[in-house]
Amino acid sequence: MTKNPYEIDLDKNPANYQPLTPLSYLKRAAEVYPEKLAVIHGSLRRNYADLYTRCRRLASALAEHGIGLGDTVAVIAPNTPEMLELHYGVPMIGAVLNTMNIRLDGAAIGFMLDHGNAKVLIVDREFAGLAKDAVAQATVKPYIIDIDDPEYDGPGEAIGEIGYEAFLAKGDPAFNWQLPADEWQAISLNYTSGTTGNPKGVVYHHRGAHLLAMGNIVTAGMMHHSVYLWTVPMFHCNGWCFTWSMSVIAGTHVCLRRVTAKNIFEAIEAHGVTHMGGAPTVMGFLINAKDEEKKKLPNTVHFFAAAAPPPAATIKRLEDQGFNVIHVYGLTETYGPAVVNAWHDEWDDLEPNERARVKSRQGVNYPVLEGISVRDPETLEEVPRDGETMGEVMFRGNVVMKGYLKNPKASAEAFEGGWFHSGDLGVWHPDNYIQLKDRSKDIIISGGENISSIEVEDALYKHGDIIEAAVVARPDEKWGETPCAFITLRSGATVTEEEIIAWCRSHLAHFKCPKTVVFTELPKTSTGKIQKFKLRDMAGKI
């Protein structure tokens, strides 16, 4: 057989092949735009030259401490400049960054420290108590470094061997860090929420981080002047990879330690924020802000909406304030957002409510994701693109995780058939856009009929007095299950259960309407996701 001539004497070599990594983005930004403002945090201003130097110092100091390839460096901190630096300094020496959810308890953090075999733990002073509790319950005893953020004025203590700034001072500002030997090398470890049993450790590689970071820039149309406000926790999917994205364009990070409506509006006004993101909870902060908290936007702010599908009514209210909602979708296992509601110019002419409905669909794959599909979870056959037939949403491509750390069984199940199984149920529309209908565990089966909790929630959000809503199954002797709605009302609203049910009956088929309504504050994770497992427990006791 004649050998392919394009494979003869055309091998990879250092001149034509380098492993992909987001670390290269920061090096370029510092060399091309050294004086460009990189980080804003309270009164702190730091340019790209300084940011790069500090990351190199961090990498050098960690290396001198004996940290290297495959070692885990854990951190418990909010959205501060130190968190940004860790996203570069740790992987510069081949180590793996594990950002911890600050809302977890000591037992959960302790499990993660052990599971990831953390060699170093970096702790913001506010979370010293949590860290002490976690370390006390863990088998590993990591080297602890304290962060003392001047923007924090609450209680806390130093529990480590050294402070973060003193540790950096030990490092070489000209440290000669290296690209990963292989772009498949792990760059970070992120734990799933673990609503049942222990959380799973999702492993990202340099290649995926490089691509998703670039994908964010393309998807958002970000430019050299873009200013990103940190309302997405950096501990969640590494801040959806925006920790690395902003270096692509030498954009400006605005760190936000406390995510409140007042702080968001003040930051937008003061710094000319162009982009931000968050779960529907953050959207709710903005929509329901008090008049004295709201400020007129100095420019259009592009808002990445993710987590639970935002109701069309919520999108419309936010856009009425001057925000442009970019609806994205993904999971921890896909580096955060990997699907986007790619907008068509002709949709601008739609009636406002219809425009918002179209925008509430999850959409199509990012350019850096090779495949998104809706398939029968048993046969793996594609469902018809009719907007009605439900199947499981599945992903394939370079921005899907390496797998679950030390859990080959879970990895094999997740990747069965050559697709990543999301556990989300959705439909495929004729225009190739997908739309979520529910999590597989959240679908309500009443009298043999499938009811989408998302569809019922969408109807509830159209009610002017409802701020938040979540619908779960409640056991029922006759029907098996019936919808139970948990609702948070606007301050001063006096709507009754009967009125809510009547409202739903005017917007939905009667069998889909809630049979029970509970007025309460909704339990949420630190990333703003409503904890439906807690609501299911509550519904079962009603």
Protein backbone atom coordinates (compact mmCIF):
# COMPACT_ATOMS: atom_id res chain seq x y z
CA MET A 1 0.00 0.00 0.00
CA THR A 2 1.34 3.43 -0.94
CA LYS A 3 1.92 5.58 2.11
CA ASN A 4 0.04 8.87 2.31
CA PRO A 5 2.54 11.48 1.07
CA TYR A 6 1.17 14.00 3.56
CA GLU A 7 2.40 11.76 6.37
CA ILE A 8 6.00 11.44 5.06
CA ASP A 9 8.68 13.67 6.60
CA LEU A 10 6.00 15.99 7.98
CA ASP A 11 6.22 15.14 11.66
CA LYS A 12 5.44 17.24 14.68
CA ASN A 13 8.33 19.25 16.05
CA PRO A 14 8.72 22.17 18.49
CA ALA A 15 8.47 24.66 15.64
CA ASN A 16 5.08 23.51 14.42
CA TYR A 17 3.40 21.92 17.44
CA GLN A 18 2.92 23.25 20.96
CA PRO A 19 0.44 21.99 23.55
CA LEU A 20 -2.62 24.18 24.00
CA THR A 21 -2.91 25.90 27.36
CA PRO A 22 -4.62 29.07 28.64
CA LEU A 23 -1.37 30.03 30.40
CA SER A 24 -0.04 31.33 27.08
CA TYR A 25 -2.81 33.93 27.02
CA LEU A 26 -1.46 35.69 30.13
CA LYS A 27 2.13 35.67 28.87
CA ARG A 28 1.03 37.33 25.62
CA ALA A 29 -1.17 39.90 27.40
CA ALA A 30 1.72 40.91 29.67
CA GLU A 31 4.14 41.22 26.76
CA VAL A 32 1.79 43.07 24.40
CA TYR A 33 -0.22 45.17 26.89
CA PRO A 34 1.95 45.40 30.03
CA GLU A 35 0.35 48.67 31.22
CA LYS A 36 -3.24 47.64 30.47
CA LEU A 37 -5.45 47.53 33.56
CA ALA A 38 -5.95 43.85 34.43
CA VAL A 39 -7.52 43.78 37.90
CA ILE A 40 -9.75 46.10 39.93
CA HIS A 41 -10.57 45.22 43.53
CA GLY A 42 -11.73 48.00 45.81
CA SER A 43 -8.94 50.58 45.68
CA LEU A 44 -6.48 48.10 44.12
CA ARG A 45 -5.44 48.55 40.49
CA ARG A 46 -3.06 46.06 38.87
CA ASN A 47 -1.82 45.97 35.27
CA TYR A 48 -0.96 42.91 33.18
CA ALA A 49 2.76 43.17 33.77
CA ASP A 50 2.20 43.08 37.53
CA LEU A 51 -0.36 40.27 37.29
CA TYR A 52 2.04 38.12 35.26
CA THR A 53 4.91 38.82 37.66
CA ARG A 54 2.82 37.86 40.68
CA CYS A 55 1.71 34.62 39.00
CA ARG A 56 5.35 33.73 38.25
CA ARG A 57 6.30 34.49 41.85
CA LEU A 58 3.51 32.22 43.05
CA ALA A 59 4.62 29.41 40.74
CA SER A 60 8.23 29.81 41.88
CA ALA A 61 7.34 29.83 45.57
CA LEU A 62 5.18 26.71 45.19
CA ALA A 63 7.98 24.94 43.33
CA GLU A 64 10.47 25.87 46.07
CA HIS A 65 8.05 24.36 48.56
CA GLY A 66 8.17 21.07 46.66
CA ILE A 67 4.91 21.35 44.72
CA GLY A 68 5.05 20.02 41.18
CA LEU A 69 3.46 17.88 38.49
CA GLY A 70 0.16 16.33 39.57
CA ASP A 71 0.09 17.87 43.05
CA THR A 72 -3.20 19.42 44.18
CA VAL A 73 -3.38 22.98 45.49
CA ALA A 74 -6.73 23.71 47.12
CA VAL A 75 -8.20 27.15 47.84
CA ILE A 76 -11.15 28.44 49.86
CA ALA A 77 -11.78 32.05 48.84
CA PRO A 78 -14.33 34.38 47.22
CA ASN A 79 -13.78 36.39 44.02
CA THR A 80 -10.53 38.17 44.88
CA PRO A 81 -7.30 38.91 42.93
CA GLU A 82 -5.58 35.99 44.66
CA MET A 83 -8.08 33.61 43.05
CA LEU A 84 -7.15 34.94 39.62
CA GLU A 85 -3.44 34.50 40.32
CA LEU A 86 -3.93 30.91 41.46
CA HIS A 87 -5.52 30.05 38.11
CA TYR A 88 -2.17 30.77 36.46
CA GLY A 89 0.50 30.26 39.11
CA VAL A 90 -0.58 26.74 40.12
CA PRO A 91 -0.69 25.16 36.62
CA MET A 92 2.55 26.96 35.63
CA ILE A 93 4.38 24.21 37.55
CA GLY A 94 2.14 21.35 36.44
CA ALA A 95 0.14 21.33 39.65
CA VAL A 96 -3.67 21.09 39.70
CA LEU A 97 -5.90 23.83 41.12
CA ASN A 98 -8.87 22.76 43.25
CA THR A 99 -11.17 25.69 44.02
CA MET A 100 -13.52 24.90 46.90
CA ASN A 101 -17.15 25.91 47.24
CA ILE A 102 -17.22 28.40 50.13
CA ARG A 103 -20.80 27.44 51.05
CA LEU A 104 -20.01 23.81 51.88
CA ASP A 105 -19.51 22.47 55.39
CA GLY A 106 -16.33 21.16 56.96
CA ALA A 107 -17.17 17.51 56.31
CA ALA A 108 -17.60 18.09 52.56
CA ILE A 109 -14.43 20.18 52.28
CA GLY A 110 -12.54 17.60 54.33
CA PHE A 111 -13.64 14.84 51.96
CA MET A 112 -12.40 16.87 48.97
CA LEU A 113 -9.05 17.59 50.61
CA ASP A 114 -8.54 13.87 51.12
CA HIS A 115 -9.93 12.77 47.76
CA GLY A 116 -7.75 15.25 45.88
CA ASN A 117 -4.79 14.64 48.23
CA ALA A 118 -4.26 18.39 48.67
CA LYS A 119 -0.65 19.35 49.42
CA VAL A 120 -1.38 23.06 49.92
CA LEU A 121 -4.53 24.84 51.14
CA ILE A 122 -4.86 28.58 50.59
CA VAL A 123 -7.57 30.17 52.76
CA ASP A 124 -9.21 33.58 52.84
CA ARG A 125 -9.42 34.85 56.42
CA GLU A 126 -13.22 34.97 56.34
CA PHE A 127 -13.32 31.19 55.93
CA ALA A 128 -10.69 30.28 58.52
CA GLY A 129 -13.26 28.54 60.71
CA LEU A 130 -14.50 26.42 57.81
CA ALA A 131 -10.93 25.52 56.85
CA LYS A 132 -10.01 24.53 60.43
CA ASP A 133 -13.07 22.31 60.66
CA ALA A 134 -12.31 20.69 57.29
CA VAL A 135 -8.65 20.03 58.06
CA ALA A 136 -9.60 18.56 61.44
CA GLN A 137 -11.84 16.04 59.66
CA ALA A 138 -9.38 15.28 56.85
CA THR A 139 -6.60 12.72 56.84
CA VAL A 140 -4.26 14.91 54.78
CA LYS A 141 -2.60 17.85 56.51
CA PRO A 142 -1.85 20.42 53.80
CA TYR A 143 0.49 23.38 54.12
CA ILE A 144 -1.83 26.33 54.84
CA ILE A 145 -1.38 29.84 53.42
CA ASP A 146 -3.58 32.74 54.62
CA ILE A 147 -5.17 35.38 52.37
CA ASP A 148 -5.80 38.68 54.16
CA ASP A 149 -7.99 40.66 51.78
CA PRO A 150 -8.10 44.36 52.76
CA GLU A 151 -11.65 44.54 51.37
CA TYR A 152 -12.80 42.17 54.12
CA ASP A 153 -13.46 43.78 57.51
CA GLY A 154 -15.29 40.99 59.30
CA PRO A 155 -14.22 38.33 61.81
CA GLY A 156 -11.55 35.80 60.93
CA GLU A 157 -8.10 34.67 61.88
CA ALA A 158 -4.78 33.58 60.43
CA ILE A 159 -4.55 29.80 60.67
CA GLY A 160 -1.69 29.07 58.28
CA GLU A 161 2.06 28.85 58.39
CA ILE A 162 2.48 31.99 56.28
CA GLY A 163 0.53 34.83 54.68
CA TYR A 164 -0.10 34.90 50.92
CA GLU A 165 1.93 38.07 50.29
CA ALA A 166 4.87 36.78 52.34
CA PHE A 167 4.74 33.52 50.42
CA LEU A 168 4.78 35.38 47.08
CA ALA A 169 7.77 37.42 48.24
CA LYS A 170 9.77 34.19 48.33
CA GLY A 171 9.18 33.61 44.62
CA ASP A 172 11.25 34.61 41.61
CA PRO A 173 9.52 37.31 39.50
CA ALA A 174 11.35 35.98 36.41
CA PHE A 175 10.56 32.33 37.11
CA ASN A 176 10.93 30.29 33.94
CA TRP A 177 7.69 28.32 33.97
CA GLN A 178 7.05 25.66 31.34
CA LEU A 179 4.18 24.74 29.07
CA PRO A 180 2.59 21.39 29.94
CA ALA A 181 4.38 18.48 28.32
CA ASP A 182 0.99 17.31 27.07
CA GLU A 183 -2.16 19.40 26.63
CA TRP A 184 -4.14 16.46 28.08
CA GLN A 185 -2.41 17.18 31.40
CA ALA A 186 -4.80 18.12 34.22
CA ILE A 187 -5.13 21.84 34.97
CA SER A 188 -7.92 21.88 37.57
CA LEU A 189 -10.18 19.78 39.75
CA ASN A 190 -13.80 20.80 40.34
CA TYR A 191 -16.24 18.93 42.53
CA THR A 192 -19.87 18.45 41.61
CA SER A 193 -22.50 19.50 44.12
CA GLY A 194 -22.95 16.00 45.51
CA THR A 195 -26.65 16.21 46.39
CA THR A 196 -26.61 12.47 47.01
CA GLY A 197 -23.51 10.79 48.40
CA ASN A 198 -20.03 12.19 48.05
CA PRO A 199 -19.34 14.70 45.26
CA LYS A 200 -17.44 13.61 42.16
CA GLY A 201 -14.14 15.23 41.19
CA VAL A 202 -14.31 16.59 37.65
CA VAL A 203 -10.88 16.87 36.01
CA TYR A 204 -10.16 19.54 33.37
CA HIS A 205 -7.21 19.46 30.97
CA HIS A 206 -5.17 22.33 29.52
CA ARG A 207 -6.56 21.78 26.01
CA GLY A 208 -10.17 22.13 27.13
CA ALA A 209 -9.42 25.18 29.28
CA HIS A 210 -7.63 26.86 26.35
CA LEU A 211 -10.54 26.20 24.00
CA LEU A 212 -13.41 27.09 26.33
CA ALA A 213 -11.65 30.31 27.35
CA MET A 214 -11.42 31.28 23.68
CA GLY A 215 -14.97 30.08 23.06
CA ASN A 216 -16.27 32.54 25.67
CA ILE A 217 -14.61 35.43 23.85
CA VAL A 218 -16.08 34.42 20.50
CA THR A 219 -19.52 33.75 21.94
CA ALA A 220 -19.70 37.06 23.79
CA GLY A 221 -18.06 39.14 21.06
CA MET A 222 -15.59 40.48 23.63
CA MET A 223 -13.08 43.13 22.59
CA HIS A 224 -9.91 44.77 23.92
CA HIS A 225 -11.98 47.25 25.96
CA SER A 226 -14.22 44.63 27.63
CA VAL A 227 -14.65 44.83 31.40
CA TYR A 228 -15.84 41.68 33.17
CA LEU A 229 -17.60 41.83 36.54
CA TRP A 230 -17.06 38.79 38.74
CA THR A 231 -20.58 37.76 39.77
CA VAL A 232 -19.97 34.11 38.80
CA PRO A 233 -18.02 32.40 41.61
CA MET A 234 -14.46 31.63 40.51
CA PHE A 235 -14.76 28.37 42.42
CA HIS A 236 -17.56 27.26 40.08
CA CYS A 237 -16.14 25.64 36.90
CA ASN A 238 -13.13 27.95 37.36
CA GLY A 239 -15.48 30.88 36.88
CA TRP A 240 -16.79 29.33 33.65
CA CYS A 241 -13.17 29.70 32.44
CA PHE A 242 -13.45 33.51 32.31
CA THR A 243 -10.49 33.49 34.70
CA TRP A 244 -8.48 32.59 31.60
CA SER A 245 -10.70 34.21 28.94
CA MET A 246 -9.94 37.82 29.84
CA SER A 247 -6.23 37.36 29.15
CA VAL A 248 -7.07 36.55 25.52
CA ILE A 249 -8.11 40.17 24.96
CA ALA A 250 -6.19 41.78 27.85
CA GLY A 251 -9.56 42.77 29.31
CA THR A 252 -10.22 44.03 32.81
CA HIS A 253 -11.36 41.87 35.73
CA VAL A 254 -13.52 43.61 38.33
CA CYS A 255 -13.47 41.44 41.44
CA LEU A 256 -16.60 41.42 43.57
CA ARG A 257 -16.34 39.89 47.01
CA ARG A 258 -20.04 40.30 47.84
CA VAL A 259 -22.63 39.79 45.12
CA THR A 260 -25.53 42.12 45.95
CA ALA A 261 -27.72 44.33 43.78
CA LYS A 262 -26.14 47.46 45.30
CA ASN A 263 -22.58 46.25 44.70
CA ILE A 264 -23.36 45.16 41.14
CA PHE A 265 -24.95 48.44 40.08
CA GLU A 266 -22.19 50.48 41.73
CA ALA A 267 -19.48 48.46 39.98
CA ILE A 268 -21.18 48.78 36.60
CA GLU A 269 -21.42 52.54 36.99
CA ALA A 270 -17.91 53.04 38.38
CA HIS A 271 -15.99 50.78 36.00
CA GLY A 272 -18.01 50.67 32.80
CA VAL A 273 -18.69 46.95 33.07
CA THR A 274 -19.50 45.40 29.70
CA HIS A 275 -19.98 41.73 30.62
CA MET A 276 -21.08 39.67 33.60
CA GLY A 277 -22.92 36.43 34.24
CA GLY A 278 -24.76 34.32 36.71
CA ALA A 279 -27.63 32.10 37.64
CA PRO A 280 -31.26 33.30 37.68
CA THR A 281 -30.62 34.31 41.31
CA VAL A 282 -28.30 37.09 40.15
CA MET A 283 -30.85 38.09 37.53
CA GLY A 284 -33.36 38.28 40.37
CA PHE A 285 -31.06 40.60 42.34
CA LEU A 286 -31.07 43.03 39.43
CA ILE A 287 -34.75 42.79 38.57
CA ASN A 288 -35.94 43.13 42.16
CA ALA A 289 -33.39 45.70 43.36
CA LYS A 290 -34.74 48.58 45.41
CA ASP A 291 -35.08 51.91 43.63
CA GLU A 292 -32.25 53.40 45.68
CA GLU A 293 -29.95 50.52 44.66
CA LYS A 294 -30.59 50.75 40.92
CA LYS A 295 -28.49 52.94 38.66
CA LYS A 296 -28.87 53.81 35.01
CA LEU A 297 -26.51 51.65 32.98
CA PRO A 298 -23.71 53.69 31.34
CA ASN A 299 -23.64 51.19 28.46
CA THR A 300 -25.19 47.89 27.43
CA VAL A 301 -24.14 45.13 29.82
CA HIS A 302 -24.06 41.67 28.28
CA PHE A 303 -25.31 39.14 30.83
CA PHE A 304 -24.44 35.44 30.49
CA ALA A 305 -27.45 33.62 31.94
CA ALA A 306 -26.88 30.00 32.92
CA ALA A 307 -27.76 27.35 35.54
CA ALA A 308 -31.54 26.76 35.60
CA PRO A 309 -33.22 27.84 32.34
CA PRO A 310 -34.26 31.48 32.83
CA PRO A 311 -37.99 32.00 32.33
CA ALA A 312 -38.91 34.16 29.35
CA ALA A 313 -40.55 36.68 31.70
CA THR A 314 -37.30 37.07 33.65
CA ILE A 315 -35.29 37.65 30.47
CA LYS A 316 -37.74 40.32 29.32
CA ARG A 317 -37.60 42.17 32.66
CA LEU A 318 -33.81 42.19 32.65
CA GLU A 319 -33.57 43.41 29.07
CA ASP A 320 -36.07 46.14 29.86
CA GLN A 321 -33.42 47.47 32.29
CA GLY A 322 -30.78 47.68 29.54
CA PHE A 323 -29.05 44.31 29.89
CA ASN A 324 -28.53 42.07 26.89
CA VAL A 325 -29.10 38.47 27.95
CA ILE A 326 -26.88 35.84 26.34
CA HIS A 327 -28.38 32.50 27.26
CA VAL A 328 -25.72 29.81 27.74
CA TYR A 329 -25.86 26.27 29.06
CA GLY A 330 -23.41 23.68 30.28
CA LEU A 331 -22.33 21.62 33.25
CA THR A 332 -19.30 21.30 35.49
CA GLU A 333 -18.29 18.41 33.22
CA THR A 334 -18.20 20.74 30.17
CA TYR A 335 -16.02 23.48 31.72
CA GLY A 336 -19.14 25.54 32.30
CA PRO A 337 -21.04 27.02 29.32
CA ALA A 338 -20.62 25.08 26.08
CA VAL A 339 -24.01 25.77 24.46
CA VAL A 340 -25.36 29.18 23.49
CA ASN A 341 -28.60 30.62 22.18
CA ALA A 342 -26.85 31.98 19.09
CA TRP A 343 -28.91 35.00 18.09
CA HIS A 344 -30.37 35.73 14.64
CA ASP A 345 -30.83 39.36 13.61
CA GLU A 346 -34.35 38.71 12.33
CA TRP A 347 -35.41 37.70 15.85
CA ASP A 348 -34.97 41.33 16.93
CA ASP A 349 -38.26 42.11 15.17
CA LEU A 350 -40.27 39.57 17.17
CA GLU A 351 -42.91 40.74 19.62
CA PRO A 352 -41.16 41.22 23.01
CA ASN A 353 -42.70 38.22 24.76
CA GLU A 354 -42.04 35.95 21.78
CA ARG A 355 -38.48 37.28 21.52
CA ALA A 356 -37.90 36.42 25.17
CA ARG A 357 -39.41 32.95 24.64
CA VAL A 358 -37.04 32.26 21.76
CA LYS A 359 -34.11 33.51 23.85
CA SER A 360 -35.02 31.16 26.70
CA ARG A 361 -34.01 28.13 24.60
CA GLN A 362 -30.56 26.74 25.35
CA GLY A 363 -29.45 26.79 21.71
CA VAL A 364 -26.55 25.26 19.81
CA ASN A 365 -22.98 24.18 20.54
CA TYR A 366 -20.17 26.68 21.11
CA PRO A 367 -17.76 26.78 18.14
CA VAL A 368 -15.24 24.92 20.34
CA LEU A 369 -17.66 22.08 21.17
CA GLU A 370 -17.82 19.46 18.43
CA GLY A 371 -21.25 18.07 19.12
CA ILE A 372 -24.49 18.60 21.02
CA SER A 373 -27.32 16.13 20.59
CA VAL A 374 -30.62 15.00 22.05
CA ARG A 375 -30.81 11.20 22.17
CA ASP A 376 -32.77 8.35 23.58
CA PRO A 377 -30.78 7.46 26.71
CA GLU A 378 -31.36 3.72 26.16
CA THR A 379 -30.78 3.29 22.40
CA LEU A 380 -28.59 6.42 21.90
CA GLU A 381 -30.60 7.15 18.75
CA GLU A 382 -31.23 10.82 17.96
CA VAL A 383 -34.74 12.01 18.73
CA PRO A 384 -36.70 13.73 15.95
CA ARG A 385 -36.07 17.47 15.64
CA ASP A 386 -39.73 18.27 16.16
CA GLY A 387 -39.58 20.36 19.33
CA GLU A 388 -41.73 17.78 21.11
CA THR A 389 -39.95 14.43 21.46
CA MET A 390 -37.98 14.39 24.68
CA GLY A 391 -34.54 12.82 25.08
CA GLU A 392 -31.32 13.24 27.03
CA VAL A 393 -28.97 16.08 26.09
CA MET A 394 -25.51 14.75 25.26
CA PHE A 395 -22.15 16.37 24.53
CA ARG A 396 -19.07 15.39 22.55
CA GLY A 397 -15.83 17.30 22.08
CA ASN A 398 -12.67 18.84 23.46
CA VAL A 399 -14.42 20.83 26.17
CA VAL A 400 -15.72 17.75 27.93
CA MET A 401 -13.88 16.72 31.10
CA LYS A 402 -11.12 14.10 31.24
CA GLY A 403 -13.34 12.16 33.61
CA TYR A 404 -14.06 11.78 37.32
CA LEU A 405 -11.01 11.52 39.58
CA LYS A 406 -10.54 8.02 41.06
CA ASN A 407 -14.00 6.97 39.85
CA PRO A 408 -13.67 4.89 36.65
CA LYS A 409 -17.18 3.45 37.01
CA ALA A 410 -18.82 6.88 37.04
CA SER A 411 -16.60 8.02 34.14
CA ALA A 412 -17.53 4.97 32.05
CA GLU A 413 -21.24 5.54 32.70
CA ALA A 414 -20.96 9.23 31.83
CA PHE A 415 -19.19 8.48 28.52
CA GLU A 416 -21.23 5.45 27.46
CA GLY A 417 -21.62 5.23 23.70
CA GLY A 418 -19.07 7.92 22.99
CA TRP A 419 -21.19 10.77 24.32
CA PHE A 420 -21.20 12.59 27.66
CA HIS A 421 -24.61 12.00 29.25
CA SER A 422 -25.78 15.21 30.92
CA GLY A 423 -28.81 13.86 32.78
CA ASP A 424 -30.80 16.80 31.38
CA LEU A 425 -33.94 16.13 29.37
CA GLY A 426 -34.81 18.29 26.40
CA VAL A 427 -36.23 18.56 22.91
CA TRP A 428 -34.63 19.38 19.58
CA HIS A 429 -36.31 22.05 17.48
CA PRO A 430 -36.44 21.98 13.65
CA ASP A 431 -33.90 24.85 13.53
CA ASN A 432 -31.39 22.62 15.43
CA TYR A 433 -31.72 24.52 18.72
CA ILE A 434 -32.15 22.43 21.85
CA GLN A 435 -34.40 23.35 24.75
CA LEU A 436 -34.25 21.84 28.22
CA LYS A 437 -37.42 20.46 29.70
CA ASP A 438 -36.11 19.05 32.97
CA ARG A 439 -33.47 17.11 34.80
CA SER A 440 -34.19 13.40 34.45
CA LYS A 441 -34.80 13.22 38.20
CA ASP A 442 -37.08 16.29 38.19
CA ILE A 443 -39.64 15.21 35.61
CA ILE A 444 -43.09 14.80 37.22
CA ILE A 445 -45.13 11.76 36.18
CA SER A 446 -48.78 12.34 37.07
CA GLY A 447 -51.35 9.76 36.05
CA GLY A 448 -48.90 8.40 33.49
CA GLU A 449 -48.38 11.84 31.90
CA ASN A 450 -44.96 13.53 31.90
CA ILE A 451 -45.01 17.08 33.25
CA SER A 452 -42.03 19.39 32.77
CA SER A 453 -41.35 21.33 35.97
CA ILE A 454 -39.64 23.99 33.82
CA GLU A 455 -42.84 24.54 31.82
CA VAL A 456 -44.87 25.04 34.99
CA GLU A 457 -42.22 27.37 36.45
CA ASP A 458 -42.26 29.41 33.24
CA ALA A 459 -46.00 30.00 33.69
CA LEU A 460 -45.53 30.99 37.32
CA TYR A 461 -42.80 33.52 36.51
CA LYS A 462 -45.23 35.39 34.25
CA HIS A 463 -47.17 36.37 37.37
CA GLY A 464 -46.16 39.87 38.42
CA ASP A 465 -46.02 39.12 42.16
CA ILE A 466 -43.75 36.07 41.92
CA ILE A 467 -40.01 36.65 42.39
CA GLU A 468 -38.89 33.01 42.45
CA ALA A 469 -40.59 29.69 41.76
CA ALA A 470 -39.67 26.02 41.76
CA VAL A 471 -41.89 23.04 41.05
CA VAL A 472 -41.29 19.47 42.22
CA ALA A 473 -43.24 16.24 42.44
CA ARG A 474 -45.38 15.59 45.53
CA PRO A 475 -46.51 12.00 46.21
CA ASP A 476 -50.23 11.51 45.52
CA GLU A 477 -52.31 8.38 46.22
CA LYS A 478 -54.51 8.82 43.15
CA TRP A 479 -52.13 10.22 40.54
CA GLY A 480 -48.79 8.90 41.79
CA GLU A 481 -47.32 12.39 41.71
CA THR A 482 -48.69 15.90 41.33
CA PRO A 483 -46.87 19.25 40.87
CA CYS A 484 -46.07 21.17 44.06
CA ALA A 485 -45.01 24.80 43.64
CA PHE A 486 -42.70 26.61 46.05
CA ILE A 487 -42.93 30.37 45.59
CA THR A 488 -41.30 33.54 46.86
CA LEU A 489 -43.52 36.61 46.51
CA ARG A 490 -42.65 40.27 46.17
CA SER A 491 -42.61 42.21 49.42
CA GLY A 492 -46.16 43.22 50.29
CA ALA A 493 -47.86 40.84 47.87
CA THR A 494 -50.94 39.04 49.21
CA VAL A 495 -51.61 36.40 46.57
CA THR A 496 -53.31 33.21 47.79
CA GLU A 497 -52.75 29.57 46.87
CA GLU A 498 -56.10 29.49 45.09
CA GLU A 499 -55.18 32.52 42.97
CA ILE A 500 -51.85 30.97 41.96
CA ILE A 501 -53.53 27.73 40.91
CA ALA A 502 -56.14 29.69 38.94
CA TRP A 503 -53.36 31.65 37.24
CA CYS A 504 -51.68 28.42 36.16
CA ARG A 505 -54.97 27.02 34.87
CA SER A 506 -55.23 30.03 32.56
CA HIS A 507 -51.76 29.33 31.12
CA LEU A 508 -51.41 25.53 31.17
CA ALA A 509 -53.31 22.33 30.60
CA HIS A 510 -55.10 21.63 33.88
CA PHE A 511 -53.27 18.37 34.62
CA LYS A 512 -49.95 20.28 34.59
CA CYS A 513 -51.03 22.83 37.20
CA PRO A 514 -49.80 22.71 40.81
CA LYS A 515 -52.17 21.03 43.22
CA THR A 516 -50.22 22.51 46.16
CA VAL A 517 -48.55 25.91 46.60
CA VAL A 518 -46.09 26.76 49.37
CA PHE A 519 -44.94 30.34 50.01
CA THR A 520 -41.33 30.34 51.24
CA GLU A 521 -37.72 31.33 50.57
CA LEU A 522 -36.14 28.83 48.20
CA PRO A 523 -33.02 26.93 49.31
CA LYS A 524 -30.07 27.44 46.95
CA THR A 525 -26.52 26.36 46.38
CA SER A 526 -23.69 28.91 46.46
CA THR A 527 -23.88 29.17 42.67
CA GLY A 528 -27.56 30.13 42.80
CA LYS A 529 -29.09 26.80 41.80
CA ILE A 530 -32.33 25.99 43.58
CA GLN A 531 -31.90 22.81 45.65
CA LYS A 532 -34.85 20.81 44.45
CA PHE A 533 -33.86 17.77 46.47
CA LYS A 534 -34.63 19.78 49.61
CA LEU A 535 -37.95 20.90 48.16
CA ARG A 536 -38.83 17.30 47.29
CA ASP A 537 -38.20 16.37 50.92
CA MET A 538 -40.45 19.23 52.04
CA ALA A 539 -43.17 18.27 49.55
CA GLY A 540 -43.15 14.70 50.82
CA LYS A 541 -43.95 15.92 54.32
CA ILE A 542 -46.87 18.18 53.38
